[in-house]
PDB file of all heavy atoms in Angstrom:
ATOM      1  N   PRO A   1      -1.995  10.691 229.146  1.00  0.00           N
ATOM      2  CA  PRO A   1      -3.262  10.236 228.568  1.00  0.00           C
ATOM      3  C   PRO A   1      -3.901   9.164 229.452  1.00  0.00           C
ATOM      4  O   PRO A   1      -3.239   8.494 230.243  1.00  0.00           O
ATOM      5  CB  PRO A   1      -2.836   9.628 227.222  1.00  0.00           C
ATOM      6  CG  PRO A   1      -1.406   9.214 227.427  1.00  0.00           C
ATOM      7  CD  PRO A   1      -0.821  10.182 228.418  1.00  0.00           C
ATOM      8  N   LEU A   2      -5.213   9.020 229.303  1.00  0.00           N
ATOM      9  CA  LEU A   2      -5.929   7.964 230.025  1.00  0.00           C
ATOM     10  C   LEU A   2      -5.700   6.669 229.257  1.00  0.00           C
ATOM     11  O   LEU A   2      -6.137   6.525 228.112  1.00  0.00           O
ATOM     12  CB  LEU A   2      -7.420   8.299 230.077  1.00  0.00           C
ATOM     13  CG  LEU A   2      -8.291   7.402 230.965  1.00  0.00           C
ATOM     14  CD1 LEU A   2      -7.874   7.537 232.432  1.00  0.00           C
ATOM     15  CD2 LEU A   2      -9.759   7.773 230.802  1.00  0.00           C
ATOM     16  N   VAL A   3      -4.982   5.723 229.863  1.00  0.00           N
ATOM     17  CA  VAL A   3      -4.638   4.483 229.164  1.00  0.00           C
ATOM     18  C   VAL A   3      -5.007   3.280 230.029  1.00  0.00           C
ATOM     19  O   VAL A   3      -5.048   3.376 231.256  1.00  0.00           O
ATOM     20  CB  VAL A   3      -3.135   4.424 228.817  1.00  0.00           C
ATOM     21  CG1 VAL A   3      -2.745   5.542 227.873  1.00  0.00           C
ATOM     22  CG2 VAL A   3      -2.278   4.454 230.071  1.00  0.00           C
ATOM     23  N   PRO A   4      -5.265   2.120 229.401  1.00  0.00           N
ATOM     24  CA  PRO A   4      -5.585   0.911 230.167  1.00  0.00           C
ATOM     25  C   PRO A   4      -4.355   0.428 230.955  1.00  0.00           C
ATOM     26  O   PRO A   4      -3.218   0.573 230.506  1.00  0.00           O
ATOM     27  CB  PRO A   4      -5.959  -0.117 229.091  1.00  0.00           C
ATOM     28  CG  PRO A   4      -6.108   0.643 227.822  1.00  0.00           C
ATOM     29  CD  PRO A   4      -5.307   1.886 227.952  1.00  0.00           C
ATOM     30  N   SER A   5      -4.600  -0.141 232.126  1.00  0.00           N
ATOM     31  CA  SER A   5      -3.521  -0.650 232.975  1.00  0.00           C
ATOM     32  C   SER A   5      -3.363  -2.151 232.796  1.00  0.00           C
ATOM     33  O   SER A   5      -4.253  -2.837 232.285  1.00  0.00           O
ATOM     34  CB  SER A   5      -3.830  -0.351 234.434  1.00  0.00           C
ATOM     35  OG  SER A   5      -4.947  -1.121 234.853  1.00  0.00           O
ATOM     36  N   LEU A   6      -2.222  -2.673 233.257  1.00  0.00           N
ATOM     37  CA  LEU A   6      -1.980  -4.116 233.220  1.00  0.00           C
ATOM     38  C   LEU A   6      -3.015  -4.859 234.068  1.00  0.00           C
ATOM     39  O   LEU A   6      -3.477  -5.941 233.701  1.00  0.00           O
ATOM     40  CB  LEU A   6      -0.559  -4.419 233.706  1.00  0.00           C
ATOM     41  CG  LEU A   6      -0.140  -5.888 233.740  1.00  0.00           C
ATOM     42  CD1 LEU A   6      -0.279  -6.543 232.380  1.00  0.00           C
ATOM     43  CD2 LEU A   6       1.302  -6.023 234.239  1.00  0.00           C
ATOM     44  N   ALA A   7      -3.390  -4.272 235.204  1.00  0.00           N
ATOM     45  CA  ALA A   7      -4.383  -4.913 236.075  1.00  0.00           C
ATOM     46  C   ALA A   7      -5.698  -5.138 235.331  1.00  0.00           C
ATOM     47  O   ALA A   7      -6.327  -6.198 235.442  1.00  0.00           O
ATOM     48  CB  ALA A   7      -4.621  -4.057 237.316  1.00  0.00           C
ATOM     49  N   GLY A   8      -6.115  -4.130 234.540  1.00  0.00           N
ATOM     50  CA  GLY A   8      -7.350  -4.257 233.773  1.00  0.00           C
ATOM     51  C   GLY A   8      -7.253  -5.342 232.716  1.00  0.00           C
ATOM     52  O   GLY A   8      -8.218  -6.071 232.456  1.00  0.00           O
ATOM     53  N   LEU A   9      -6.072  -5.458 232.109  1.00  0.00           N
ATOM     54  CA  LEU A   9      -5.856  -6.478 231.093  1.00  0.00           C
ATOM     55  C   LEU A   9      -5.946  -7.877 231.713  1.00  0.00           C
ATOM     56  O   LEU A   9      -6.503  -8.803 231.109  1.00  0.00           O
ATOM     57  CB  LEU A   9      -4.471  -6.274 230.465  1.00  0.00           C
ATOM     58  CG  LEU A   9      -4.275  -6.734 229.014  1.00  0.00           C
ATOM     59  CD1 LEU A   9      -5.244  -6.038 228.082  1.00  0.00           C
ATOM     60  CD2 LEU A   9      -2.837  -6.462 228.586  1.00  0.00           C
ATOM     61  N   ILE A  10      -5.421  -8.044 232.922  1.00  0.00           N
ATOM     62  CA  ILE A  10      -5.428  -9.351 233.585  1.00  0.00           C
ATOM     63  C   ILE A  10      -6.856  -9.793 233.898  1.00  0.00           C
ATOM     64  O   ILE A  10      -7.157 -10.993 233.887  1.00  0.00           O
ATOM     65  CB  ILE A  10      -4.536  -9.320 234.849  1.00  0.00           C
ATOM     66  CG1 ILE A  10      -3.067  -9.180 234.418  1.00  0.00           C
ATOM     67  CG2 ILE A  10      -4.718 -10.576 235.703  1.00  0.00           C
ATOM     68  CD1 ILE A  10      -2.079  -8.962 235.541  1.00  0.00           C
ATOM     69  N   ASP A  11      -7.764  -8.834 234.129  1.00  0.00           N
ATOM     70  CA  ASP A  11      -9.180  -9.180 234.331  1.00  0.00           C
ATOM     71  C   ASP A  11      -9.691 -10.019 233.157  1.00  0.00           C
ATOM     72  O   ASP A  11     -10.446 -10.979 233.340  1.00  0.00           O
ATOM     73  CB  ASP A  11     -10.040  -7.917 234.451  1.00  0.00           C
ATOM     74  CG  ASP A  11      -9.753  -7.143 235.739  1.00  0.00           C
ATOM     75  OD1 ASP A  11      -9.206  -7.748 236.682  1.00  0.00           O
ATOM     76  OD2 ASP A  11     -10.068  -5.944 235.781  1.00  0.00           O
ATOM     77  N   GLY A  12      -9.249  -9.652 231.947  1.00  0.00           N
ATOM     78  CA  GLY A  12      -9.685 -10.386 230.749  1.00  0.00           C
ATOM     79  C   GLY A  12      -8.926 -11.680 230.530  1.00  0.00           C
ATOM     80  O   GLY A  12      -9.386 -12.562 229.798  1.00  0.00           O
ATOM     81  N   LEU A  13      -7.729 -11.804 231.126  1.00  0.00           N
ATOM     82  CA  LEU A  13      -6.935 -13.029 230.972  1.00  0.00           C
ATOM     83  C   LEU A  13      -7.507 -14.187 231.789  1.00  0.00           C
ATOM     84  O   LEU A  13      -7.269 -15.348 231.471  1.00  0.00           O
ATOM     85  CB  LEU A  13      -5.487 -12.793 231.423  1.00  0.00           C
ATOM     86  CG  LEU A  13      -4.519 -12.118 230.447  1.00  0.00           C
ATOM     87  CD1 LEU A  13      -3.220 -11.795 231.143  1.00  0.00           C
ATOM     88  CD2 LEU A  13      -4.256 -13.003 229.242  1.00  0.00           C
ATOM     89  N   VAL A  14      -8.241 -13.864 232.840  1.00  0.00           N
ATOM     90  CA  VAL A  14      -8.689 -14.892 233.791  1.00  0.00           C
ATOM     91  C   VAL A  14      -9.528 -15.968 233.104  1.00  0.00           C
ATOM     92  O   VAL A  14      -9.302 -17.161 233.301  1.00  0.00           O
ATOM     93  CB  VAL A  14      -9.462 -14.239 234.961  1.00  0.00           C
ATOM     94  CG1 VAL A  14     -10.147 -15.300 235.789  1.00  0.00           C
ATOM     95  CG2 VAL A  14      -8.511 -13.412 235.811  1.00  0.00           C
ATOM     96  N   GLY A  15     -10.483 -15.576 232.258  1.00  0.00           N
ATOM     97  CA  GLY A  15     -11.281 -16.532 231.497  1.00  0.00           C
ATOM     98  C   GLY A  15     -11.882 -17.615 232.370  1.00  0.00           C
ATOM     99  O   GLY A  15     -12.583 -17.344 233.351  1.00  0.00           O
ATOM    100  N   ASN A  16     -11.561 -18.895 232.021  1.00  0.00           N
ATOM    101  CA  ASN A  16     -12.145 -20.009 232.777  1.00  0.00           C
ATOM    102  C   ASN A  16     -11.193 -20.541 233.854  1.00  0.00           C
ATOM    103  O   ASN A  16     -11.319 -21.676 234.298  1.00  0.00           O
ATOM    104  CB  ASN A  16     -12.573 -21.139 231.830  1.00  0.00           C
ATOM    105  CG  ASN A  16     -11.442 -21.571 230.911  1.00  0.00           C
ATOM    106  OD1 ASN A  16     -10.303 -21.149 231.093  1.00  0.00           O
ATOM    107  ND2 ASN A  16     -11.750 -22.406 229.933  1.00  0.00           N
ATOM    108  N   GLY A  17     -10.214 -19.731 234.247  1.00  0.00           N
ATOM    109  CA  GLY A  17      -9.380 -20.085 235.401  1.00  0.00           C
ATOM    110  C   GLY A  17      -8.160 -20.915 235.111  1.00  0.00           C
ATOM    111  O   GLY A  17      -7.460 -21.336 236.033  1.00  0.00           O
ATOM    112  N   HIS A  18      -7.854 -21.158 233.839  1.00  0.00           N
ATOM    113  CA  HIS A  18      -6.611 -21.860 233.477  1.00  0.00           C
ATOM    114  C   HIS A  18      -6.297 -21.554 232.019  1.00  0.00           C
ATOM    115  O   HIS A  18      -7.116 -20.987 231.285  1.00  0.00           O
ATOM    116  CB  HIS A  18      -6.745 -23.379 233.698  1.00  0.00           C
ATOM    117  CG  HIS A  18      -7.816 -24.019 232.861  1.00  0.00           C
ATOM    118  ND1 HIS A  18      -7.627 -24.404 231.557  1.00  0.00           N
ATOM    119  CD2 HIS A  18      -9.117 -24.314 233.142  1.00  0.00           C
ATOM    120  CE1 HIS A  18      -8.736 -24.930 231.072  1.00  0.00           C
ATOM    121  NE2 HIS A  18      -9.670 -24.865 232.016  1.00  0.00           N
ATOM    122  N   GLY A  19      -5.103 -21.942 231.577  1.00  0.00           N
ATOM    123  CA  GLY A  19      -4.713 -21.715 230.186  1.00  0.00           C
ATOM    124  C   GLY A  19      -3.262 -21.303 230.064  1.00  0.00           C
ATOM    125  O   GLY A  19      -2.557 -21.102 231.053  1.00  0.00           O
ATOM    126  N   LEU A  20      -2.813 -21.184 228.813  1.00  0.00           N
ATOM    127  CA  LEU A  20      -1.432 -20.828 228.501  1.00  0.00           C
ATOM    128  C   LEU A  20      -1.357 -19.342 228.148  1.00  0.00           C
ATOM    129  O   LEU A  20      -2.120 -18.860 227.307  1.00  0.00           O
ATOM    130  CB  LEU A  20      -0.936 -21.668 227.319  1.00  0.00           C
ATOM    131  CG  LEU A  20       0.456 -21.382 226.782  1.00  0.00           C
ATOM    132  CD1 LEU A  20       1.521 -21.659 227.835  1.00  0.00           C
ATOM    133  CD2 LEU A  20       0.725 -22.214 225.521  1.00  0.00           C
ATOM    134  N   ILE A  21      -0.453 -18.618 228.796  1.00  0.00           N
ATOM    135  CA  ILE A  21      -0.218 -17.194 228.504  1.00  0.00           C
ATOM    136  C   ILE A  21       1.242 -17.051 228.100  1.00  0.00           C
ATOM    137  O   ILE A  21       2.143 -17.445 228.849  1.00  0.00           O
ATOM    138  CB  ILE A  21      -0.524 -16.319 229.733  1.00  0.00           C
ATOM    139  CG1 ILE A  21      -2.002 -16.453 230.135  1.00  0.00           C
ATOM    140  CG2 ILE A  21      -0.185 -14.847 229.447  1.00  0.00           C
ATOM    141  CD1 ILE A  21      -2.317 -15.902 231.513  1.00  0.00           C
ATOM    142  N   MET A  22       1.486 -16.506 226.897  1.00  0.00           N
ATOM    143  CA  MET A  22       2.857 -16.356 226.397  1.00  0.00           C
ATOM    144  C   MET A  22       3.156 -14.885 226.166  1.00  0.00           C
ATOM    145  O   MET A  22       2.426 -14.214 225.429  1.00  0.00           O
ATOM    146  CB  MET A  22       3.031 -17.122 225.080  1.00  0.00           C
ATOM    147  CG  MET A  22       2.696 -18.595 225.165  1.00  0.00           C
ATOM    148  SD  MET A  22       2.519 -19.338 223.512  1.00  0.00           S
ATOM    149  CE  MET A  22       4.107 -20.105 223.328  1.00  0.00           C
ATOM    150  N   THR A  23       4.202 -14.359 226.795  1.00  0.00           N
ATOM    151  CA  THR A  23       4.638 -12.987 226.487  1.00  0.00           C
ATOM    152  C   THR A  23       5.685 -13.077 225.383  1.00  0.00           C
ATOM    153  O   THR A  23       6.575 -13.915 225.424  1.00  0.00           O
ATOM    154  CB  THR A  23       5.217 -12.278 227.723  1.00  0.00           C
ATOM    155  OG1 THR A  23       6.334 -13.018 228.225  1.00  0.00           O
ATOM    156  CG2 THR A  23       4.176 -12.129 228.807  1.00  0.00           C
ATOM    157  N   MET A  24       5.555 -12.201 224.413  1.00  0.00           N
ATOM    158  CA  MET A  24       6.384 -12.299 223.208  1.00  0.00           C
ATOM    159  C   MET A  24       6.871 -10.926 222.803  1.00  0.00           C
ATOM    160  O   MET A  24       6.154  -9.937 222.919  1.00  0.00           O
ATOM    161  CB  MET A  24       5.557 -12.920 222.090  1.00  0.00           C
ATOM    162  CG  MET A  24       6.341 -13.208 220.832  1.00  0.00           C
ATOM    163  SD  MET A  24       5.326 -14.156 219.681  1.00  0.00           S
ATOM    164  CE  MET A  24       6.506 -14.425 218.371  1.00  0.00           C
ATOM    165  N   GLY A  25       8.103 -10.858 222.316  1.00  0.00           N
ATOM    166  CA  GLY A  25       8.657  -9.586 221.849  1.00  0.00           C
ATOM    167  C   GLY A  25      10.144  -9.714 221.629  1.00  0.00           C
ATOM    168  O   GLY A  25      10.744 -10.740 221.960  1.00  0.00           O
ATOM    169  N   LYS A  26      10.742  -8.687 221.072  1.00  0.00           N
ATOM    170  CA  LYS A  26      12.185  -8.685 220.827  1.00  0.00           C
ATOM    171  C   LYS A  26      12.929  -8.565 222.156  1.00  0.00           C
ATOM    172  O   LYS A  26      12.359  -8.200 223.184  1.00  0.00           O
ATOM    173  CB  LYS A  26      12.553  -7.519 219.904  1.00  0.00           C
ATOM    174  CG  LYS A  26      12.021  -7.683 218.487  1.00  0.00           C
ATOM    175  CD  LYS A  26      12.774  -8.762 217.721  1.00  0.00           C
ATOM    176  CE  LYS A  26      12.318  -8.849 216.268  1.00  0.00           C
ATOM    177  NZ  LYS A  26      13.118  -9.781 215.485  1.00  0.00           N
TER     178      LYS A  26
END
């Protein structure tokens, strides 16, 4: 299937160039 990539997601993480990113899961 056509699915979004991690690279595309990181485009949205950039925001104002700083911040806290937390990966969470079992």
